[in-house]
Protein backbone atom coordinates (compact mmCIF):
# COMPACT_ATOMS: atom_id res chain seq x y z
CA MET A 1 0.10 -0.05 0.39
CA PHE A 2 1.42 3.37 -0.55
CA ASN A 3 2.24 5.56 2.05
CA PRO A 4 5.08 7.85 1.12
CA LYS A 5 7.12 9.76 4.38
CA SER A 6 9.61 12.44 4.38
CA ILE A 7 12.92 12.51 6.07
CA PHE A 8 15.93 14.75 6.36
CA MET A 9 17.47 14.70 3.01
CA LYS A 10 14.93 12.85 1.01
CA LYS A 11 15.56 13.62 -2.26
CA LEU A 12 15.30 12.13 -5.68
CA ILE A 13 17.55 13.15 -8.72
CA PHE A 14 16.79 12.79 -11.97
CA THR A 15 19.45 12.86 -14.68
CA VAL A 16 17.95 15.13 -17.28
CA MET A 17 18.33 14.42 -21.40
CA ALA A 18 15.64 16.60 -22.05
CA VAL A 19 16.70 19.70 -24.88
CA ALA A 20 15.18 23.17 -23.83
CA PHE A 21 13.60 25.08 -21.23
CA SER A 22 10.42 25.74 -22.83
CA PHE A 23 7.12 25.06 -21.24
CA LEU A 24 5.18 22.95 -23.58
CA GLY A 25 1.29 23.27 -24.18
CA PHE A 26 0.00 21.33 -21.43
CA ALA A 27 0.99 23.15 -18.72
CA GLN A 28 -0.47 24.58 -16.24
CA GLY A 29 2.20 27.33 -14.96
CA GLU A 30 5.97 27.22 -15.24
CA MET A 31 8.32 27.07 -12.17
CA PRO A 32 9.42 30.68 -11.15
CA VAL A 33 13.35 31.10 -10.89
CA VAL A 34 14.19 32.27 -7.27
CA TRP A 35 17.88 33.16 -8.89
CA ALA A 36 20.19 31.86 -10.93
CA GLN A 37 24.17 31.25 -10.75
CA ASP A 38 26.88 31.14 -12.23
CA MET A 39 29.63 29.29 -10.59
CA GLY A 40 32.92 29.37 -12.21
CA ILE A 41 33.34 25.69 -12.56
CA LYS A 42 32.04 22.86 -15.15
CA PHE A 43 30.96 20.42 -12.34
CA ILE A 44 30.95 16.74 -11.82
CA HIS A 45 30.18 16.42 -8.14
CA LEU A 46 26.94 18.94 -6.65
CA GLY A 47 25.30 18.43 -3.27
CA THR A 48 21.93 20.29 -2.15
CA GLY A 49 21.61 20.54 1.15
CA LEU A 50 18.39 21.65 2.96
CA GLU A 51 16.86 25.57 3.46
CA VAL A 52 17.50 25.39 6.97
CA ASN A 53 21.36 24.63 6.52
CA ASP A 54 21.62 26.97 3.98
CA TYR A 55 24.60 25.16 2.63
CA SER A 56 24.93 23.24 -1.16
CA TYR A 57 27.92 22.82 -3.22
CA VAL A 58 29.71 22.02 -6.40
CA ALA A 59 33.18 20.58 -7.54
CA SER A 60 35.51 19.72 -10.34
CA ALA A 61 37.97 16.65 -9.75
CA LYS A 62 40.36 19.77 -9.05
CA GLU A 63 38.28 22.68 -7.15
CA MET A 64 34.71 23.02 -5.11
CA ALA A 65 32.65 26.01 -5.01
CA VAL A 66 29.89 26.20 -1.83
CA PHE A 67 26.97 28.36 -2.37
CA SER A 68 24.01 29.64 -0.31
CA ASN A 69 20.52 28.12 -0.55
CA LYS A 70 19.17 31.54 -0.32
CA ASP A 71 20.55 33.39 -3.16
CA GLY A 72 23.62 31.46 -4.77
CA SER A 73 25.71 33.81 -3.67
CA ILE A 74 29.28 32.02 -3.43
CA TYR A 75 30.59 31.23 0.70
CA TRP A 76 33.86 30.47 -0.92
CA LYS A 77 35.41 28.62 -3.65
CA LYS A 78 39.05 26.93 -3.89
CA THR A 79 41.15 24.24 -5.26
CA PHE A 80 41.48 21.22 -2.99
CA ASN A 81 45.27 20.97 -3.41
CA GLU A 82 44.73 24.72 -1.72
CA ILE A 83 42.68 23.01 1.44
CA ALA A 84 45.04 20.19 1.30
CA PRO A 85 48.99 20.31 -0.29
CA ASN A 86 49.14 16.23 -1.00
CA LEU A 87 45.22 16.29 -2.28
CA LYS A 88 46.03 16.75 -6.40
CA LYS A 89 42.26 16.06 -7.60
CA ILE A 90 39.47 14.06 -5.94
CA ASP A 91 37.58 10.87 -7.12
CA GLU A 92 34.61 11.26 -4.73
CA LEU A 93 33.24 13.80 -2.84
CA VAL A 94 30.55 12.76 0.59
CA PRO A 95 29.34 15.21 2.21
CA PHE A 96 27.38 14.48 6.02
CA TRP A 97 25.44 17.53 6.30
CA LYS A 98 24.37 18.00 9.69
CA SER A 99 28.16 17.68 10.71
CA ASN A 100 28.83 20.31 8.03
CA ILE A 101 31.39 17.70 7.38
CA VAL A 102 33.14 17.05 3.91
CA PHE A 103 34.99 13.34 3.29
CA LEU A 104 36.95 13.61 0.04
CA PHE A 105 38.34 11.11 -1.47
CA GLU A 106 41.65 10.76 -3.83
CA ARG A 107 41.54 7.26 -4.61
CA LYS A 108 45.40 5.84 -4.87
CA SER A 109 46.55 2.29 -6.02
CA GLY A 110 46.67 0.64 -2.56
CA LYS A 111 46.85 4.35 -0.57
CA ASP A 112 43.45 6.17 -0.13
CA GLN A 113 44.03 9.83 0.61
CA ILE A 114 40.84 10.78 2.84
CA ALA A 115 40.30 14.40 4.11
CA CYS A 116 37.58 16.17 6.03
CA ILE A 117 37.22 19.91 5.53
CA ASP A 118 34.26 22.24 7.21
CA LEU A 119 31.93 22.75 4.40
CA THR A 120 30.98 26.42 6.07
CA ASN A 121 34.49 27.99 5.04
CA GLY A 122 36.27 25.16 3.22
CA ASN A 123 39.20 24.98 6.00
CA LEU A 124 41.02 21.60 6.06
CA LEU A 125 40.09 19.65 9.45
CA TRP A 126 42.51 16.33 8.95
CA THR A 127 43.46 13.80 6.83
CA THR A 128 44.89 10.49 6.87
CA ASP A 129 46.01 7.23 5.09
CA LYS A 130 45.60 5.18 7.76
CA TYR A 131 41.35 4.20 6.59
CA GLN A 132 41.74 1.99 3.27
CA LYS A 133 39.10 0.70 0.53
CA VAL A 134 35.96 3.13 3.09
CA THR A 135 33.07 3.90 1.08
CA GLU A 136 30.42 6.20 1.65
CA ASP A 137 28.61 3.64 2.75
CA MET A 138 30.86 2.20 4.99
CA ILE A 139 30.75 5.93 7.27
CA VAL A 140 28.37 6.63 10.07
CA TYR A 141 27.91 10.16 11.64
CA ILE A 142 26.53 10.17 15.37
CA LYS A 143 25.46 13.51 15.92
CA GLU A 144 25.14 13.54 19.74
CA ASP A 145 28.36 12.77 20.27
CA HIS A 146 29.84 14.65 16.62
CA GLY A 147 32.06 11.93 15.61
CA PHE A 148 31.90 9.39 13.02
CA ALA A 149 31.83 5.33 12.88
CA ILE A 150 34.08 4.13 10.16
CA SER A 151 33.48 0.41 9.14
CA LEU A 152 36.47 -1.33 8.14
CA LYS A 153 37.12 -4.97 7.30
CA LYS A 154 37.37 -6.40 10.48
CA GLU A 155 36.46 -3.59 13.17
CA LEU A 156 34.58 -0.62 13.67
CA VAL A 157 36.41 3.20 14.07
CA TYR A 158 35.56 5.75 16.13
CA VAL A 159 36.56 9.24 15.11
CA LYS A 160 36.10 12.64 16.80
CA ALA A 161 34.41 14.63 13.75
CA GLU A 162 36.94 17.67 13.93
CA SER A 163 40.32 16.52 14.33
CA GLY A 164 39.81 12.56 13.18
CA GLU A 165 41.82 11.90 16.75
CA GLU A 166 40.66 7.79 17.31
CA VAL A 167 38.89 7.78 20.37
CA TRP A 168 38.11 3.55 19.78
CA SER A 169 38.20 0.82 17.91
CA THR A 170 36.56 -2.43 18.51
CA SER A 171 36.60 -5.84 16.57
CA LYS A 172 33.25 -7.38 17.83
CA PHE A 173 30.99 -5.14 15.74
CA GLN A 174 30.82 -6.19 11.82
CA GLY A 175 28.85 -4.34 9.47
CA VAL A 176 28.11 -0.80 9.04
CA VAL A 177 26.25 1.04 12.09
CA GLY A 178 22.82 1.61 10.78
CA LYS A 179 19.80 3.33 12.93
CA TYR A 180 20.35 4.28 16.47
CA VAL A 181 18.56 5.31 19.16
CA TYR A 182 21.54 7.14 21.70
CA ASN A 183 21.25 7.54 25.46
CA SER A 184 22.80 10.96 26.24
CA ASP A 185 22.54 10.14 30.42
CA ASP A 186 25.28 7.15 30.55
CA GLN A 187 26.47 7.97 26.21
CA THR A 188 25.49 4.64 25.43
CA MET A 189 23.97 3.62 21.90
CA THR A 190 21.64 0.98 21.08
CA MET A 191 22.23 -0.19 17.16
CA VAL A 192 21.92 -2.35 14.65
CA ASN A 193 24.67 -3.37 11.79
CA PHE A 194 24.38 -4.05 7.99
CA VAL A 195 26.40 -4.04 5.04
CA PRO A 196 25.20 -1.98 2.00
CA GLY A 197 24.53 -3.55 -1.30
CA GLY A 198 27.19 -2.11 -2.32
CA VAL A 199 29.58 -3.76 -0.42
CA ALA A 200 28.52 -7.00 0.71
CA ALA A 201 31.92 -8.59 -0.62
CA PHE A 202 33.78 -6.45 2.08
CA PHE A 203 32.23 -8.07 4.96
CA THR A 204 32.72 -11.81 4.24
CA ALA A 205 32.39 -12.48 8.50
CA PHE A 206 29.16 -10.67 8.56
CA LYS A 207 26.63 -11.66 11.27
CA ASN A 208 23.22 -10.10 12.00
CA GLN A 209 23.91 -8.31 14.82
CA ILE A 210 21.92 -5.99 17.70
CA VAL A 211 24.29 -4.40 20.39
CA ARG A 212 24.04 -1.57 22.66
CA ILE A 213 27.96 -0.04 22.93
CA ASN A 214 29.60 2.69 25.43
CA MET A 215 30.04 5.12 23.16
CA LYS A 216 33.15 6.48 25.77
CA ASN A 217 35.05 3.57 24.40
CA GLY A 218 33.99 0.87 22.42
CA GLU A 219 33.01 -1.62 25.22
CA ILE A 220 29.18 -3.93 24.32
CA VAL A 221 27.77 -3.24 26.55
CA TRP A 222 25.18 -6.27 25.48
CA GLU A 223 24.68 -8.23 22.25
CA ASN A 224 22.24 -10.14 20.26
CA VAL A 225 21.02 -11.31 16.96
CA TYR A 226 18.14 -10.09 14.99
CA ILE A 227 15.69 -12.00 11.78
CA GLY A 228 15.95 -10.22 8.53
CA ARG A 229 18.03 -7.87 6.42
CA ALA A 230 18.31 -4.53 7.44
CA ASP A 231 19.26 -2.06 5.11
CA ARG A 232 18.70 1.09 3.49
CA LYS A 233 16.99 2.13 0.25
CA THR A 234 19.23 2.64 -3.01
CA VAL A 235 18.32 6.01 -4.44
CA THR A 236 16.43 7.76 -1.26
CA ARG A 237 18.57 6.34 1.56
CA ASP A 238 15.83 5.90 3.79
CA PHE A 239 16.17 3.05 6.06
CA VAL A 240 13.95 0.09 5.67
CA TYR A 241 13.38 -0.32 9.20
CA ASP A 242 12.19 0.86 12.54
CA LEU A 243 14.12 0.52 15.66
CA GLU A 244 13.30 2.22 19.36
CA VAL A 245 13.29 2.62 22.94
CA ASP A 246 10.17 2.18 25.24
CA ASP A 247 11.05 2.25 28.82
CA ASP A 248 12.66 -0.68 29.26
CA LYS A 249 12.31 -2.27 25.64
CA VAL A 250 14.33 -2.16 22.57
CA ILE A 251 11.11 -2.40 19.25
CA LEU A 252 13.42 -3.40 16.01
CA ARG A 253 10.24 -3.21 13.39
CA LEU A 254 11.71 -5.72 10.49
CA ALA A 255 10.38 -8.41 9.05
CA GLY A 256 7.38 -8.50 11.22
CA ILE A 257 8.49 -7.32 15.35
CA GLN A 258 11.58 -8.11 17.59
CA VAL A 259 11.57 -7.01 21.55
CA TYR A 260 14.36 -7.26 23.74
CA ASP A 261 15.12 -5.99 27.32
CA TYR A 262 17.26 -2.60 27.05
CA ASN A 263 19.62 -3.56 30.31
CA THR A 264 20.31 -7.05 29.39
CA GLY A 265 19.44 -7.37 25.77
CA ALA A 266 17.63 -10.33 25.97
CA THR A 267 14.98 -11.31 23.68
CA LEU A 268 11.74 -10.85 25.07
CA TRP A 269 9.76 -12.18 21.85
CA SER A 270 9.68 -11.83 18.70
CA ALA A 271 6.97 -12.36 15.71
CA ALA A 272 9.90 -11.56 12.78
CA PHE A 273 10.01 -13.75 10.02
CA ASP A 274 13.25 -14.14 7.16
CA TYR A 275 12.19 -12.75 4.84
CA THR A 276 13.46 -10.88 1.21
CA PRO A 277 12.27 -9.56 -2.10
CA GLU A 278 14.63 -11.62 -4.20
CA GLY A 279 12.93 -12.04 -8.25
CA VAL A 280 10.07 -10.67 -7.04
CA ALA A 281 10.68 -8.10 -9.38
CA LYS A 282 13.44 -7.99 -12.47
CA ALA A 283 16.37 -4.99 -13.26
CA PRO A 284 16.40 -3.21 -16.11
CA LYS A 285 19.77 -3.62 -18.20
CA ASP A 286 22.87 -1.34 -17.02
CA VAL A 287 21.82 -1.34 -13.56
CA LYS A 288 24.37 -0.64 -10.81
CA ARG A 289 22.11 -1.06 -7.37
CA TRP A 290 18.72 -2.23 -7.30
CA GLY A 291 15.73 -2.54 -4.35
CA VAL A 292 12.81 -3.67 -4.15
CA TYR A 293 10.28 -2.58 -0.88
CA GLY A 294 7.32 -2.20 0.17
CA THR A 295 6.64 -5.91 -1.23
CA VAL A 296 4.95 -6.89 2.51
CA ALA A 297 2.84 -4.78 4.77
CA ASP A 298 3.73 -3.13 7.48
CA PRO A 299 2.52 -5.34 11.20
CA VAL A 300 -0.58 -3.28 12.11
CA VAL A 301 -1.22 -2.33 16.04
CA VAL A 302 -5.04 -2.12 17.22
CA GLY A 303 -5.29 -1.89 20.63
CA ASP A 304 -3.21 -4.80 22.86
CA ASP A 305 -3.09 -6.51 19.62
CA ILE A 306 -0.66 -7.02 16.21
CA TYR A 307 -1.08 -8.83 13.08
CA ILE A 308 1.46 -9.72 10.79
CA LEU A 309 1.75 -10.86 7.79
CA ASP A 310 4.29 -14.19 7.78
CA MET A 311 6.11 -14.38 4.03
CA ALA A 312 8.79 -16.83 5.72
CA ASP A 313 7.74 -19.07 3.25
CA LYS A 314 8.03 -18.12 -0.26
CA LYS A 315 5.10 -20.61 -1.08
CA ASN A 316 2.71 -20.41 1.68
CA GLN A 317 1.86 -17.23 3.77
CA TYR A 318 -0.51 -16.60 6.77
CA VAL A 319 -1.44 -13.50 8.61
CA LYS A 320 -0.78 -13.93 12.68
CA LYS A 321 -2.49 -11.89 15.10
CA TYR A 322 -0.35 -11.36 18.53
CA ASP A 323 -0.42 -10.17 22.09
CA TYR A 324 1.10 -6.89 21.64
CA HIS A 325 2.51 -7.04 25.40
CA THR A 326 3.90 -10.65 25.75
CA GLY A 327 4.18 -11.63 22.23
CA LYS A 328 1.33 -14.63 22.67
CA LEU A 329 0.10 -15.93 19.56
CA LEU A 330 -3.86 -15.83 19.16
CA TRP A 331 -4.30 -17.47 15.70
CA THR A 332 -2.89 -18.40 12.60
CA SER A 333 -5.18 -16.90 9.43
CA LYS A 334 -5.54 -20.07 6.58
CA GLU A 335 -2.83 -20.78 3.63
CA ILE A 336 -2.15 -17.16 1.31
CA LYS A 337 -1.26 -19.64 -1.06
CA GLY A 338 1.67 -18.05 -4.14
CA ALA A 339 1.88 -14.48 -3.28
CA ARG A 340 4.75 -13.02 -4.35
CA ALA A 341 4.09 -9.67 -2.40
CA ILE A 342 1.25 -8.44 0.29
CA PRO A 343 1.98 -4.83 -0.19
CA GLY A 344 -1.49 -3.60 2.08
CA MET A 345 -2.86 -5.07 5.27
CA ASP A 346 -5.95 -2.65 7.00
CA VAL A 347 -8.11 -3.61 9.77
CA VAL A 348 -11.23 -2.26 9.90
CA GLY A 349 -13.67 -2.79 12.96
CA ASP A 350 -13.62 -6.84 13.33
CA VAL A 351 -12.12 -7.67 9.39
CA VAL A 352 -8.61 -7.92 8.43
CA ALA A 353 -7.92 -6.50 4.56
CA LEU A 354 -5.75 -7.98 2.60
CA GLN A 355 -4.31 -6.30 -0.73
CA ILE A 356 -2.44 -9.55 -2.60
CA GLY A 357 0.09 -8.15 -5.47
CA GLY A 358 0.15 -4.76 -7.23
CA MET A 359 2.22 -1.79 -6.86
CA VAL A 360 5.97 -1.79 -5.26
CA GLU A 361 8.29 0.26 -4.91
CA ILE A 362 11.57 -0.14 -7.14
CA GLN A 363 14.65 2.20 -6.87
CA TYR A 364 17.77 1.69 -8.69
CA MET A 365 20.90 3.44 -10.33
CA GLN A 366 21.14 2.44 -14.19
CA VAL A 367 24.46 3.74 -16.04
CA VAL A 368 24.15 5.47 -19.37
CA GLU A 369 27.77 5.36 -21.64
CA SER A 370 27.57 7.13 -25.08
CA GLN A 371 30.74 7.56 -27.23
CA TYR A 372 30.59 11.50 -25.32
CA TYR A 373 29.89 10.76 -22.10
CA THR A 374 28.74 8.23 -19.27
CA SER A 375 25.59 9.69 -17.11
CA TYR A 376 24.33 8.16 -14.07
CA ASN A 377 20.39 7.72 -13.93
CA TYR A 378 18.85 7.69 -10.29
CA ILE A 379 15.35 5.72 -10.67
CA VAL A 380 12.76 5.64 -8.25
CA SER A 381 9.77 3.91 -9.37
CA TYR A 382 6.68 1.52 -9.09
CA GLN A 383 5.52 -1.85 -10.68
CA GLY A 384 2.96 -3.83 -10.58
CA ILE A 385 3.69 -7.40 -8.82
CA LYS A 386 1.69 -10.42 -9.93
CA PRO A 387 -0.85 -12.52 -8.88
CA TYR A 388 -3.28 -10.27 -7.83
CA GLY A 389 -5.94 -10.08 -5.56
CA VAL A 390 -8.12 -9.12 -2.48
CA GLN A 391 -9.00 -11.04 0.71
CA ALA A 392 -10.65 -10.62 4.45
CA PHE A 393 -10.41 -12.06 7.21
CA ASN A 394 -12.15 -12.11 10.52
CA THR A 395 -9.98 -10.65 13.79
CA SER A 396 -11.98 -13.29 16.36
CA ASP A 397 -10.40 -16.38 15.02
CA GLY A 398 -8.82 -15.43 11.78
CA SER A 399 -11.11 -16.84 9.52
CA LEU A 400 -11.81 -16.19 6.25
CA ARG A 401 -14.71 -13.64 5.77
CA TRP A 402 -14.58 -13.47 2.01
CA GLU A 403 -11.97 -13.18 -1.23
CA SER A 404 -13.05 -10.49 -4.01
CA GLU A 405 -12.48 -12.66 -7.50
CA LYS A 406 -12.60 -9.21 -9.57
CA PHE A 407 -8.86 -8.01 -9.27
CA LYS A 408 -7.42 -10.94 -10.64
CA LYS A 409 -6.36 -9.37 -13.70
CA GLY A 410 -4.97 -6.28 -11.63
CA ILE A 411 -4.80 -3.95 -8.62
CA THR A 412 -3.04 -1.01 -8.73
CA ASN A 413 -3.48 -0.86 -4.39
CA ALA A 414 -5.93 -0.79 -1.72
CA ILE A 415 -6.99 2.36 1.10
CA SER A 416 -9.11 3.34 2.93
CA VAL A 417 -11.13 6.31 2.84
CA GLY A 418 -12.96 7.31 5.89
CA ASN A 419 -15.50 4.87 6.45
CA SER A 420 -15.11 3.43 2.60
CA HIS A 421 -12.19 0.86 1.57
CA ILE A 422 -10.95 1.94 -1.75
CA VAL A 423 -9.54 -0.67 -4.89
CA CYS A 424 -8.03 0.48 -7.90
CA SER A 425 -7.89 -1.91 -10.70
CA GLY A 426 -6.31 0.36 -12.94
CA LYS A 427 -9.09 0.61 -14.96
CA SER A 428 -12.06 1.22 -12.39
CA LEU A 429 -12.18 1.99 -8.66
CA TYR A 430 -13.80 -0.05 -6.33
CA SER A 431 -15.98 1.10 -2.91
CA ILE A 432 -15.89 -2.75 -1.55
CA ASP A 433 -17.90 -3.26 2.02
CA ILE A 434 -15.46 -4.47 4.54
CA GLU A 435 -18.14 -6.54 6.04
CA THR A 436 -19.27 -8.12 3.24
CA GLY A 437 -17.01 -7.88 0.03
CA ASN A 438 -19.89 -6.63 -1.63
CA ASP A 439 -19.24 -3.06 -4.04
CA ASN A 440 -20.50 -0.21 -3.48
CA TYR A 441 -19.92 1.66 -6.22
CA GLU A 442 -17.82 1.09 -9.36
CA VAL A 443 -16.68 3.71 -11.60
CA PRO A 444 -14.39 4.03 -14.67
CA VAL A 445 -10.83 6.25 -14.20
CA SER A 446 -10.99 7.25 -17.53
CA LYS A 447 -13.52 9.55 -16.11
CA GLY A 448 -10.98 11.44 -14.45
CA GLY A 449 -8.87 12.07 -17.64
CA VAL A 450 -5.60 11.54 -17.26
CA GLY A 451 -5.29 7.66 -18.87
CA LEU A 452 -4.94 4.38 -16.61
CA ALA A 453 -4.55 4.29 -12.62
CA GLN A 454 -0.72 4.46 -11.55
CA LEU A 455 -1.76 4.25 -8.01
CA ILE A 456 -3.96 5.69 -5.99
CA MET A 457 -4.08 7.93 -2.67
CA PRO A 458 -6.45 9.23 -0.11
CA TYR A 459 -6.65 12.72 0.51
CA GLY A 460 -8.50 14.20 3.03
CA ASP A 461 -11.84 13.41 4.74
CA ASP A 462 -13.29 12.12 1.52
CA ILE A 463 -11.00 12.51 -1.69
CA ILE A 464 -9.26 9.57 -4.00
CA VAL A 465 -6.38 11.02 -5.71
CA VAL A 466 -5.99 8.84 -9.26
CA VAL A 467 -2.17 8.75 -10.10
CA GLY A 468 -2.35 8.37 -13.88
CA GLU A 469 -0.96 7.87 -16.63
CA LYS A 470 -1.03 11.65 -17.86
CA GLY A 471 -2.05 13.55 -14.79
CA LEU A 472 -3.56 13.42 -11.77
CA SER A 473 -7.53 13.45 -11.00
CA GLU A 474 -9.60 13.32 -7.84
CA PHE A 475 -12.38 11.44 -6.85
CA LYS A 476 -15.27 11.15 -3.86
CA ALA A 477 -14.73 8.27 -1.82
CA SER A 478 -18.25 8.62 -0.80
CA ASP A 479 -19.97 7.87 -3.95
CA GLY A 480 -17.50 7.72 -6.92
CA SER A 481 -18.03 11.44 -8.27
CA PHE A 482 -15.59 12.71 -10.61
CA ILE A 483 -14.19 16.00 -8.66
CA LYS A 484 -11.55 17.88 -10.47
CA ASN A 485 -7.93 17.03 -12.67
CA ALA A 486 -4.94 18.39 -13.93
CA VAL A 487 -3.82 17.06 -17.15
CA TYR A 488 -0.55 16.90 -17.34
CA LYS A 489 1.69 14.89 -20.13
CA LYS A 490 2.80 10.67 -19.75
CA SER A 491 4.41 10.40 -16.65
CA ILE A 492 5.30 8.58 -13.71
CA LEU A 493 4.71 9.37 -9.54
CA SER A 494 7.97 10.60 -8.16
CA GLY A 495 7.10 11.06 -4.49
CA LYS A 496 4.94 13.11 -2.34
CA ILE A 497 5.44 15.48 0.36
CA LYS A 498 2.89 17.40 2.17
CA ASP A 499 -0.34 18.33 -0.33
CA ILE A 500 2.78 18.05 -3.15
CA VAL A 501 2.31 15.18 -5.71
CA LEU A 502 5.85 14.95 -7.95
CA MET A 503 5.83 13.38 -11.74
CA LYS A 504 8.97 12.65 -13.99
CA THR A 505 8.29 11.60 -17.67
CA GLU A 506 10.96 9.39 -19.09
CA LYS A 507 13.06 12.49 -20.13
CA ALA A 508 12.83 13.41 -16.80
CA ASP A 509 10.46 16.91 -17.22
CA VAL A 510 9.14 17.52 -14.35
CA ALA A 511 5.65 18.17 -12.27
CA ALA A 512 4.67 19.70 -8.98
CA PHE A 513 0.52 19.28 -8.07
CA ASP A 514 -0.93 20.53 -5.71
CA LEU A 515 -3.76 18.47 -4.03
CA SER A 516 -5.05 21.75 -2.41
CA THR A 517 -5.58 23.01 -5.76
CA MET A 518 -5.57 20.55 -8.27
CA THR A 519 -2.71 22.50 -9.99
CA TYR A 520 0.38 22.08 -11.37
CA LYS A 521 3.54 23.97 -11.93
CA ALA A 522 6.18 21.65 -14.56
CA PHE A 523 9.96 22.15 -15.61
CA ASN A 524 11.59 21.01 -18.69
CA ALA A 525 14.79 20.44 -18.59
CA ARG A 526 18.04 20.90 -20.73
CA LYS A 527 20.19 18.13 -21.71
CA GLY A 528 22.67 16.96 -19.54
CA ALA A 529 21.56 19.04 -16.48
CA GLU A 530 20.48 17.68 -13.54
CA THR A 531 17.76 18.23 -11.26
CA TRP A 532 17.05 17.38 -7.27
CA LEU A 533 13.95 18.61 -6.25
CA GLU A 534 13.94 19.25 -2.48
CA ARG A 535 11.82 16.11 -0.77
CA VAL A 536 11.20 18.41 2.75
CA ASP A 537 8.71 20.58 1.91
CA ALA A 538 8.91 20.23 -2.35
CA LYS A 539 9.40 23.84 -2.40
CA TYR A 540 12.31 24.34 -4.62
CA VAL A 541 14.29 21.71 -7.61
CA TYR A 542 17.88 22.91 -7.83
CA VAL A 543 19.04 22.79 -11.65
CA TYR A 544 22.56 21.71 -12.27
CA GLU A 545 23.98 22.22 -15.99
CA LYS A 546 27.46 23.05 -17.01
CA LYS A 547 28.83 25.81 -14.65
CA VAL A 548 25.18 27.10 -13.51
CA VAL A 549 22.88 26.66 -10.73
CA THR A 550 19.54 27.49 -11.26
CA LYS A 551 16.82 27.43 -8.20
CA LEU A 552 12.90 27.17 -9.24
CA SER A 553 10.22 27.11 -7.11
CA THR A 554 7.05 24.60 -7.18
CA ARG A 555 4.66 26.67 -6.00
C-alpha cells in the first residue's frame, strides 16, 4: 500500500536528457526562477543541502565551490590543492550535512587519501591514509556525539569529527552502523548492523547483530541477533526498518517485530520472519544498484493486538495475530497460497483486509554510456507484481471472511478513506463493503481524463486521488463522483510531500501538483542537466547545468 514518507535529506535526483527550458502546451504554469548563479566551475560533483542549513556545493575533480541556498551567492571557492596540499584531484566527495563536514577521497593504488573539510568555510580539518577502501556507505555520522563511525573490514573505528582523533576501535561489531538510539545520560548507543549492497563482498564474516555499545570506550554492553535484512533504500537512503527504545524495551520493526530487554539485551519475544524480495521484480539492464521495497505490509497494531504477515515461506503465507505486550500467538489464518507480494494490510472494525499483489516501489541506479559521456540515472518508480487479489479475515479467529475474484487481472493498490475501503484495478475504482466484500460502487478511472491509474492515494476525509498516466484526478470516496483533474503528459509518480505530488517524465521533465487546488507547475529540463527536488516540503527544484545552478519554485 502506498504510504509516502518524508525524512531528512530525502531527495530524488534526476539526470536530465530533454532539450529545452521552453514549456509545452500541457502546462498550467512554469516554475518561476528564484535565482540563477554561474559558479565558475564545470562541475561533476554536486550536492543540495536543506534550506535551513543554507549550504550546497558544486565541484570538479580539482576545485569546489559552496553556495547559499537562499540567494545563490558563493560562500567560498578553492582548489583542493589549496585546501590540502597532499590532494591534487579528488575521485569522490561525500557530505555529511548534519555535521557540516565533507569527506574528500583521492583513490591511489593501495593508498587512499582522505581529507575532511569544513563545509561552511573550506578549511581543512584533518587528513589520513590510515583507512583504506572506505566508501560513503561505510561512514556514519553520530550527531549526538559529533563523531564518525567508520566500518573497516575487521573492525569498527570511532573518531572525533573535528580532529579525526581515534577514540576507540572494536572488532566485536561487523558491518556498518545502521539505525541507532543514543542515550545521552550514560553515552551508550543501541544499534543494528547491516551491509549495504554495494560493499557486501567486503564484510565476509558478517552476521546480524543488535548491540548496545558504550560510546566512551567502544565496549559492548550487550549483544544479540536479529531476524531479517536491515538495509537502506538504494536512492532515497531511507531505512527499511525502525528501531526505538520504549522504557525498558528495545523494539525493532523489521520483517515483523522483535522485542529485547534494554538492560540485558535478552529477547523478550519475536514475531519476525526472514523474508527477502529477491526475484519479485526484474532489474533493467545496466543497473548497478537495485532494490525492491514495500512487498510486505507493515504490522498493524490495534489496541492490545498486533497483526503480522508471515512471508518466510515463498509458497505459503499467513496472517498472524499476537498479543502486543507478551508476544503470545493468538491465531494463524489459513494459507494465502502463491502470493509473491502482499503490499497492503488494513484492520477495519472486525475485519483484516489484504491487498495481494499490486504496485511495489523500485529504486535503482542505471549507468548510461555513450561515445561522448557517461551519465547516472537515479530512479524511483513503481512496478506491478502478480498474482493479484483481495482477501478479508475475521479479527476474532483468523477465519476467511470473504475473497474477491474481480481483481485477478490487476490491482494498483488499496486504501481506506473514512468508512470506505477503496481498491483500484487500474481501470476502475471499487468501493467495497468491508464487512461483506460487496461493491458499493464501481467507477471507471477514465472519467478522470488522465489515462489508466498507476496508484491511488487518500486526501482529506473524502477524496481519492488517482495518479494517472497523464496527470492526476480526484473522486469522492463516498459515492465515486468525479471532482477535478489536472492533465499533464505521460509521466510516473516520483513522490508525495504533504499536499505536493511530484511527477516525472521519461525525459526527466518534472511537475509539482498541489492537491489543495489540483493545479501544477512544471519544468522542462535541458540536455545534460541534473535536477534535484528538495524533499522536505517540495518547495524548490535545483537545476545543475555545466557551470550554472538555477533554483526554481514549485508553487
